[in-house]
Amino acid sequence: MASSASDGMARELVAAARGNALGEVTQLLNQGADPNAAADFTGKGNVTPLGAAAYNGHTMVVQMLLR
């Protein structure tokens, strides 16, 4: 089971990806955030950072997450 710290980091990464915050995405990844971790960001189920970025059309963030 993931710790609350990693859960928080996953939520932060999803929020940054959803908001097209490339600098924040980069910083979180450098701090060890898991780009594959899903978080219940909307209260409607889990979403990954990649899914959030792709759904919102943020191609630069998508490319960063795929590296």
Protein backbone atom coordinates (compact mmCIF):
# COMPACT_ATOMS: atom_id res chain seq x y z
CA MET A 1 0.00 0.00 0.00
CA ALA A 2 1.32 3.46 -0.90
CA SER A 3 2.16 5.94 1.80
CA SER A 4 0.23 9.17 2.20
CA ALA A 5 3.34 11.10 1.08
CA SER A 6 3.47 9.22 -2.22
CA ASP A 7 -0.32 9.56 -2.56
CA GLY A 8 0.07 13.30 -2.13
CA MET A 9 2.85 13.43 -4.69
CA ALA A 10 0.71 11.44 -7.14
CA ARG A 11 -2.15 13.92 -6.69
CA GLU A 12 0.26 16.83 -7.17
CA LEU A 13 1.63 15.28 -10.36
CA VAL A 14 -1.86 14.66 -11.75
CA ALA A 15 -2.84 18.25 -10.92
CA ALA A 16 0.31 19.63 -12.56
CA ALA A 17 -0.21 17.48 -15.67
CA ARG A 18 -3.86 18.47 -15.86
CA GLY A 19 -2.94 22.14 -15.52
CA ASN A 20 -0.15 22.04 -18.13
CA ALA A 21 2.45 23.03 -15.51
CA LEU A 22 5.51 21.62 -17.29
CA GLY A 23 7.97 23.06 -14.77
CA GLU A 24 6.10 21.56 -11.84
CA VAL A 25 5.80 18.21 -13.62
CA THR A 26 9.56 18.23 -14.20
CA GLN A 27 10.26 19.14 -10.58
CA LEU A 28 7.97 16.43 -9.21
CA LEU A 29 9.51 13.80 -11.48
CA ASN A 30 12.99 14.89 -10.35
CA GLN A 31 11.83 14.49 -6.74
CA GLY A 32 10.83 10.90 -7.44
CA ALA A 33 7.13 11.13 -8.27
CA ASP A 34 5.91 8.02 -10.07
CA PRO A 35 4.60 9.05 -13.52
CA ASN A 36 2.49 5.87 -13.60
CA ALA A 37 0.81 6.38 -10.23
CA ALA A 38 -2.92 6.99 -10.41
CA ALA A 39 -4.73 9.38 -8.11
CA ASP A 40 -8.39 10.06 -7.46
CA PHE A 41 -8.14 13.69 -8.50
CA THR A 42 -11.75 14.38 -9.43
CA GLY A 43 -13.61 12.12 -7.01
CA LYS A 44 -14.82 10.10 -9.99
CA GLY A 45 -12.05 7.50 -10.05
CA ASN A 46 -8.34 7.23 -10.55
CA VAL A 47 -6.51 9.04 -13.29
CA THR A 48 -2.83 8.95 -14.24
CA PRO A 49 -0.76 12.05 -14.97
CA LEU A 50 -0.46 10.89 -18.60
CA GLY A 51 -4.21 10.45 -18.91
CA ALA A 52 -4.87 13.89 -17.41
CA ALA A 53 -2.37 15.59 -19.72
CA ALA A 54 -3.54 13.76 -22.84
CA TYR A 55 -7.22 14.35 -22.10
CA ASN A 56 -6.56 18.08 -21.77
CA GLY A 57 -4.37 18.26 -24.89
CA HIS A 58 -1.10 19.15 -23.13
CA THR A 59 1.33 17.60 -25.59
CA MET A 60 4.53 18.93 -23.98
CA VAL A 61 3.54 17.40 -20.64
CA VAL A 62 2.62 14.14 -22.39
CA GLN A 63 6.06 14.05 -24.01
CA MET A 64 7.75 14.74 -20.65
CA LEU A 65 5.85 11.92 -18.95
CA LEU A 66 6.71 9.47 -21.71
CA ARG A 67 10.46 9.97 -21.30
